[in-house]
Every structure is written in C-alpha cells, then in structure tokens.
Amino acid sequence: MSGEVLMDAGERGVVHVTLRHAGRLNAMSRGMWRQLRGVFEDIQQRSDVRCVLLAGEGDAFCAGGDISEYPGFRFDTDALRDFHENDVWGGLNAMLQCDVPVVAQISGACMGAGVEIASCCDIRIAGHSARFGAPIAKLGFPMAPREAQLVAGVVGDVTARQMLLEAATFSAADMLTRGFLSRMVDDDRVAAEALGSAQRIAALAPQAARMNKQTFRALKVPLAPDGKAPTAIKNIVIESPDPYAYADSTEHREGITAFLEKRTPVF
C-alpha cells in the first residue's frame, strides 16, 4: 500500500481531504502527490465547495516523503527532476492555484512534505504536541528550489534556514510565535477547532473568499516573519479581467442588504 489522498463531502460546503499512509505517519508517496494534484484540481472546478479541511489520518499530519521509494528514482538526475517538478510541485501548485479556502488540521508530525503542504493552506491550526521541521540534511539532499521558496515565504527566512541548515525541529508554540500557525490548541481540541474554522468560512460569502484568494495569489509578496506586510506593494496584477465586476452580483447585494436589514445573510 503506497498511501492515498481521500476526499469526502462534508456538510454545508466543507470538503474533507485526508492524507492516509498507514504505518508511515502519512508520509507522501509519489502516488499520493499525484492524487493530491487531482483532488485539488477537482475542487477548483466545483462550485459547491466553500472550504477544504485538510488533515492527516490518525496521530500525524504528514511525516515527510516516503523514503522507502527514494532508491527507485533519487539517484538519477532526470528521474529526480521529474519527481520534484511534476509529482511534488504538481500537487503543491494545484493547492496554491485553488481558489477555495483551505484549513489545515495539524496533529503530531508535520515534517518536510508536511510543512510544504501546510504552507499551501490558508489557516493552520495545530495541537500543542505537533512538531515541525524539514531535517532532510540528515538524508543528504537539499529542498528543491521552488519548494524552498514556498516554505521560506510562509515560515520565514530565519526559520527555513534553521530547518534546512541545522535540521532543526520546532514545537507548535515555536511556530505560533514565528507566525506560521493561526492557532494552537490542546491536542484533543484540534479536530473540533479546525472544523469550526472551516464551517465559519463556509458560512460566509464564497465568491468573496475566492476573489480574496485570487488577490493574495496576485500579490505574491510573503509576510515578514513578524507577520507584518511590506511597506510598499507595486505592480499588482489581478487574475480577474475586472476585480470589481462582482458589483451587481447576488452575493454582494445580499451581504449589504442583510446588514442594512439587520439579519443574517444567506449566501
């Protein structure tokens, strides 16, 4: 069994995506990376999905890559390039290009590939005992360039360098302080807290959420490690032909009308 990425319909627009690799702490196999890509490409095309809740099965989020597969391709330049540029980046980029908000439910190990996947999520909620890092220097190889750029842009340059150069690992408290996590809760509350976040997002305006994600993607300017935005943002290109074309949309009218009528909007 080489693991799998499962997608299950939840309630009220929340879809559950689960990383499952029994006995390997949900380590990502090549097949799982390809499945991850397919799952998020499918989600991107579905108008009924308002939020994705991404979790690992059991007591771990994702412990990294499935090292048992590595001898089959890592020692050949072309095969190694294909793995990182097509399998891995294909999955990560499908997440990055998805306009649907993604909440990460992080328990236990979040290492290497797990950090990369979590870096593609919008909200990251972890339990106190979660651990983070990318100690691949112990395996004798670096992080692929685009993956390193992704991780450094989210965890911050200082943290990324410690992860990759020192093989340092960090607690959930560390990663909360460093701005990577949205929230940290007791281990037995992670699932409920993450689901609550996903449900709150799903109850809000889906068109606005998708447009916000398009804007964030267009900015392509990571926050500083202290969580502060850069002082100047120039040459922003929004994917939509007209970022204000939603003016007359039903969702826009409903949100403002409901506020003025002092009632809960129905999106």
Protein backbone atom coordinates (compact mmCIF):
# COMPACT_ATOMS: atom_id res chain seq x y z
CA MET A 1 0.00 0.00 0.00
CA SER A 2 1.55 3.29 -1.12
CA GLY A 3 -0.89 5.58 0.65
CA GLU A 4 -3.75 7.66 -0.68
CA VAL A 5 -5.32 11.10 -0.57
CA LEU A 6 -9.02 10.86 0.18
CA MET A 7 -11.74 13.41 -0.49
CA ASP A 8 -15.06 13.18 1.31
CA ALA A 9 -18.01 15.52 1.09
CA GLY A 10 -18.80 17.11 4.43
CA GLU A 11 -21.72 19.30 5.35
CA ARG A 12 -22.56 22.86 4.37
CA GLY A 13 -19.91 23.20 1.70
CA VAL A 14 -16.96 21.79 3.67
CA VAL A 15 -14.97 19.06 1.92
CA HIS A 16 -12.61 16.84 3.92
CA VAL A 17 -9.27 15.90 2.35
CA THR A 18 -7.28 13.29 4.25
CA LEU A 19 -3.67 12.19 3.84
CA ARG A 20 -3.54 8.47 4.60
CA HIS A 21 -0.48 6.26 4.64
CA ALA A 22 -0.84 3.64 7.33
CA GLY A 23 2.29 2.75 9.26
CA ARG A 24 4.28 5.66 7.78
CA LEU A 25 2.77 8.65 9.60
CA ASN A 26 1.08 9.69 6.33
CA ALA A 27 4.39 10.16 4.51
CA MET A 28 3.80 11.24 0.92
CA SER A 29 4.42 8.65 -1.79
CA ARG A 30 4.68 9.57 -5.48
CA GLY A 31 1.17 8.29 -5.97
CA MET A 32 -0.11 10.48 -3.15
CA TRP A 33 1.43 13.59 -4.70
CA ARG A 34 -0.36 12.82 -7.95
CA GLN A 35 -3.61 12.20 -6.11
CA LEU A 36 -3.21 15.46 -4.22
CA ARG A 37 -2.98 17.29 -7.52
CA GLY A 38 -6.08 15.57 -8.88
CA VAL A 39 -8.09 16.26 -5.73
CA PHE A 40 -7.37 19.99 -5.71
CA GLU A 41 -7.85 20.38 -9.45
CA ASP A 42 -11.26 18.79 -8.97
CA ILE A 43 -12.10 21.05 -6.03
CA GLN A 44 -11.15 24.12 -8.05
CA GLN A 45 -13.83 23.23 -10.62
CA ARG A 46 -16.62 22.64 -8.10
CA SER A 47 -18.94 25.49 -7.27
CA ASP A 48 -20.48 23.65 -4.31
CA VAL A 49 -17.26 23.57 -2.25
CA ARG A 50 -16.76 26.54 0.08
CA CYS A 51 -13.89 25.32 2.24
CA VAL A 52 -11.44 22.43 2.41
CA LEU A 53 -10.45 20.83 5.71
CA LEU A 54 -7.11 19.07 5.22
CA ALA A 55 -5.84 16.60 7.81
CA GLY A 56 -3.68 13.54 8.20
CA GLU A 57 -5.20 10.28 9.33
CA GLY A 58 -4.56 9.29 12.93
CA ASP A 59 -1.96 10.95 15.11
CA ALA A 60 0.17 12.63 12.44
CA PHE A 61 -0.35 15.26 9.77
CA CYS A 62 2.45 14.17 7.43
CA ALA A 63 5.93 13.00 8.42
CA GLY A 64 7.55 13.93 5.09
CA GLY A 65 8.20 11.89 1.96
CA ASP A 66 8.05 8.12 1.70
CA ILE A 67 11.77 7.41 1.92
CA SER A 68 11.28 3.73 1.05
CA GLU A 69 10.59 4.83 -2.54
CA TYR A 70 13.66 7.05 -2.87
CA PRO A 71 16.23 4.49 -4.14
CA GLY A 72 14.00 3.93 -7.17
CA PHE A 73 14.45 7.44 -8.58
CA ARG A 74 16.53 9.82 -6.45
CA PHE A 75 19.90 8.72 -7.81
CA ASP A 76 19.09 9.62 -11.44
CA THR A 77 19.10 13.32 -12.38
CA ASP A 78 16.20 13.19 -14.84
CA ALA A 79 14.08 10.98 -12.60
CA LEU A 80 14.76 13.22 -9.60
CA ARG A 81 13.83 16.32 -11.61
CA ASP A 82 10.61 14.64 -12.76
CA PHE A 83 9.70 13.77 -9.18
CA HIS A 84 10.13 17.30 -7.84
CA GLU A 85 8.95 19.31 -10.84
CA ASN A 86 5.98 17.14 -11.78
CA ASP A 87 4.87 14.97 -8.88
CA VAL A 88 5.64 17.20 -5.90
CA TRP A 89 5.23 20.62 -7.46
CA GLY A 90 2.20 19.41 -9.37
CA GLY A 91 0.45 18.66 -6.08
CA LEU A 92 1.62 21.78 -4.28
CA ASN A 93 0.81 24.08 -7.19
CA ALA A 94 -2.69 22.63 -7.51
CA MET A 95 -3.22 23.66 -3.89
CA LEU A 96 -1.74 27.11 -4.47
CA GLN A 97 -3.90 27.70 -7.54
CA CYS A 98 -7.09 26.58 -5.79
CA ASP A 99 -9.42 29.49 -5.03
CA VAL A 100 -11.24 27.61 -2.26
CA PRO A 101 -10.00 28.39 1.28
CA VAL A 102 -8.06 25.55 2.92
CA VAL A 103 -7.83 24.90 6.66
CA ALA A 104 -5.02 22.62 7.89
CA GLN A 105 -5.74 20.42 10.90
CA ILE A 106 -2.26 19.59 12.20
CA SER A 107 -1.54 16.90 14.76
CA GLY A 108 1.74 15.18 15.56
CA ALA A 109 4.47 15.16 12.93
CA CYS A 110 4.48 17.88 10.28
CA MET A 111 7.83 17.38 8.61
CA GLY A 112 9.31 18.02 5.18
CA ALA A 113 6.48 17.39 2.75
CA GLY A 114 4.07 18.07 5.60
CA VAL A 115 5.47 21.58 6.07
CA GLU A 116 5.26 22.14 2.32
CA ILE A 117 1.62 21.06 2.19
CA ALA A 118 0.72 23.07 5.28
CA SER A 119 2.40 26.10 3.69
CA CYS A 120 -0.18 25.93 0.89
CA CYS A 121 -3.07 26.23 3.36
CA ASP A 122 -4.76 29.47 4.39
CA ILE A 123 -5.46 28.70 8.05
CA ARG A 124 -3.21 26.40 10.08
CA ILE A 125 -4.43 25.04 13.41
CA ALA A 126 -2.21 22.70 15.43
CA GLY A 127 -2.22 20.81 18.68
CA HIS A 128 0.30 21.52 21.43
CA SER A 129 2.28 18.35 20.70
CA ALA A 130 2.69 18.95 16.96
CA ARG A 131 6.26 19.11 15.68
CA PHE A 132 7.57 20.90 12.59
CA GLY A 133 10.74 20.74 10.55
CA ALA A 134 12.45 19.60 7.35
CA PRO A 135 15.50 17.64 8.53
CA ILE A 136 16.39 16.38 5.04
CA ALA A 137 20.03 17.40 5.50
CA LYS A 138 20.27 14.20 7.52
CA LEU A 139 19.33 12.36 4.32
CA GLY A 140 21.98 14.13 2.28
CA PHE A 141 19.88 16.29 -0.03
CA PRO A 142 18.52 19.86 -0.19
CA MET A 143 14.97 21.04 -0.61
CA ALA A 144 14.06 21.60 -4.26
CA PRO A 145 14.22 25.30 -5.25
CA ARG A 146 10.51 26.02 -5.75
CA GLU A 147 9.62 24.09 -2.62
CA ALA A 148 12.23 26.03 -0.62
CA GLN A 149 10.88 29.30 -1.99
CA LEU A 150 7.37 28.29 -0.95
CA VAL A 151 8.36 27.27 2.57
CA ALA A 152 10.64 30.25 3.19
CA GLY A 153 7.89 32.60 2.05
CA VAL A 154 5.49 31.20 4.64
CA VAL A 155 7.58 30.10 7.64
CA GLY A 156 10.03 32.98 7.21
CA ASP A 157 13.64 33.04 6.06
CA VAL A 158 15.18 32.56 9.51
CA THR A 159 13.04 29.53 10.32
CA ALA A 160 13.55 27.98 6.89
CA ARG A 161 17.32 28.29 7.22
CA GLN A 162 17.25 26.65 10.64
CA MET A 163 15.08 23.82 9.33
CA LEU A 164 17.28 23.15 6.32
CA LEU A 165 20.77 24.01 7.55
CA GLU A 166 20.56 22.84 11.18
CA ALA A 167 17.89 20.17 10.62
CA ALA A 168 16.11 21.97 13.46
CA THR A 169 12.64 20.97 14.55
CA PHE A 170 10.14 23.24 16.25
CA SER A 171 7.21 22.91 18.61
CA ALA A 172 3.75 24.21 17.87
CA ALA A 173 4.40 27.02 20.35
CA ASP A 174 7.52 27.98 18.39
CA MET A 175 5.65 28.03 15.09
CA LEU A 176 2.80 30.04 16.58
CA THR A 177 5.28 32.66 17.78
CA ARG A 178 7.01 32.67 14.38
CA GLY A 179 3.72 33.38 12.61
CA PHE A 180 3.28 30.05 10.82
CA LEU A 181 0.29 28.85 12.82
CA SER A 182 -3.04 30.62 13.03
CA ARG A 183 -3.90 28.97 16.35
CA MET A 184 -2.59 26.38 18.78
CA VAL A 185 -4.99 24.38 20.94
CA ASP A 186 -4.98 21.35 23.20
CA ASP A 187 -4.44 18.14 21.24
CA ASP A 188 -7.93 16.86 21.92
CA ARG A 189 -9.45 20.05 20.51
CA VAL A 190 -7.61 20.25 17.19
CA ALA A 191 -10.25 18.49 15.11
CA ALA A 192 -13.12 20.49 16.56
CA GLU A 193 -11.27 23.80 16.26
CA ALA A 194 -10.29 23.15 12.64
CA LEU A 195 -13.80 22.06 11.71
CA GLY A 196 -15.23 25.13 13.40
CA SER A 197 -12.91 27.35 11.37
CA ALA A 198 -13.89 25.59 8.13
CA GLN A 199 -17.58 25.92 8.95
CA ARG A 200 -17.23 29.62 9.71
CA ILE A 201 -15.52 30.17 6.38
CA ALA A 202 -18.15 28.10 4.56
CA ALA A 203 -20.94 30.17 6.10
CA LEU A 204 -19.53 33.36 4.63
CA ALA A 205 -19.63 34.66 1.06
CA PRO A 206 -17.98 32.07 -1.22
CA GLN A 207 -17.45 34.45 -4.13
CA ALA A 208 -15.66 36.92 -1.87
CA ALA A 209 -13.46 34.14 -0.46
CA ARG A 210 -12.40 33.02 -3.93
CA MET A 211 -11.68 36.58 -5.01
CA ASN A 212 -9.64 37.21 -1.87
CA LYS A 213 -7.53 34.14 -2.63
CA GLN A 214 -7.00 35.34 -6.20
CA THR A 215 -5.83 38.68 -4.81
CA PHE A 216 -3.48 37.05 -2.30
CA ARG A 217 -2.03 34.94 -5.10
CA ALA A 218 -1.58 38.01 -7.29
CA LEU A 219 0.24 39.86 -4.52
CA LYS A 220 2.88 37.14 -4.32
CA VAL A 221 4.54 39.05 -1.50
CA PRO A 222 5.04 36.90 1.63
CA LEU A 223 4.59 38.39 5.05
CA ALA A 224 7.67 39.15 7.07
CA PRO A 225 8.50 36.72 9.90
CA ASP A 226 6.88 39.16 12.35
CA GLY A 227 3.61 38.92 10.41
CA LYS A 228 3.78 42.48 9.11
CA ALA A 229 3.14 43.31 5.47
CA PRO A 230 5.81 45.07 3.41
CA THR A 231 5.55 48.84 3.29
CA ALA A 232 5.12 49.03 -0.48
CA ILE A 233 3.34 46.71 -2.89
CA LYS A 234 3.64 47.58 -6.57
CA ASN A 235 2.59 46.24 -9.95
CA ILE A 236 -0.20 44.02 -8.65
CA VAL A 237 -1.85 42.01 -11.42
CA ILE A 238 -5.24 40.53 -10.52
CA GLU A 239 -6.23 37.42 -12.47
CA SER A 240 -9.81 38.57 -12.99
CA PRO A 241 -10.31 40.83 -16.05
CA ASP A 242 -12.10 43.27 -13.74
CA PRO A 243 -11.68 42.82 -9.99
CA TYR A 244 -14.79 44.93 -9.40
CA ALA A 245 -17.10 43.03 -11.73
CA TYR A 246 -18.83 41.49 -8.72
CA ALA A 247 -20.59 44.83 -8.03
CA ASP A 248 -24.00 43.67 -9.23
CA SER A 249 -23.69 40.07 -8.07
CA THR A 250 -26.38 38.41 -5.96
CA GLU A 251 -23.91 37.62 -3.20
CA HIS A 252 -22.71 41.22 -2.96
CA ARG A 253 -26.24 42.58 -2.84
CA GLU A 254 -27.32 40.01 -0.26
CA GLY A 255 -24.45 40.77 2.11
CA ILE A 256 -25.06 44.51 2.18
CA THR A 257 -28.85 44.25 2.16
CA ALA A 258 -28.83 41.80 5.05
CA PHE A 259 -26.61 44.10 7.08
CA LEU A 260 -28.90 47.05 6.49
CA GLU A 261 -31.94 44.92 7.33
CA LYS A 262 -30.21 43.66 10.50
CA ARG A 263 -30.49 39.99 9.56
CA THR A 264 -28.09 37.12 8.85
CA PRO A 265 -27.14 36.94 5.17
CA VAL A 266 -27.95 33.82 3.19
CA PHE A 267 -25.11 33.04 0.80
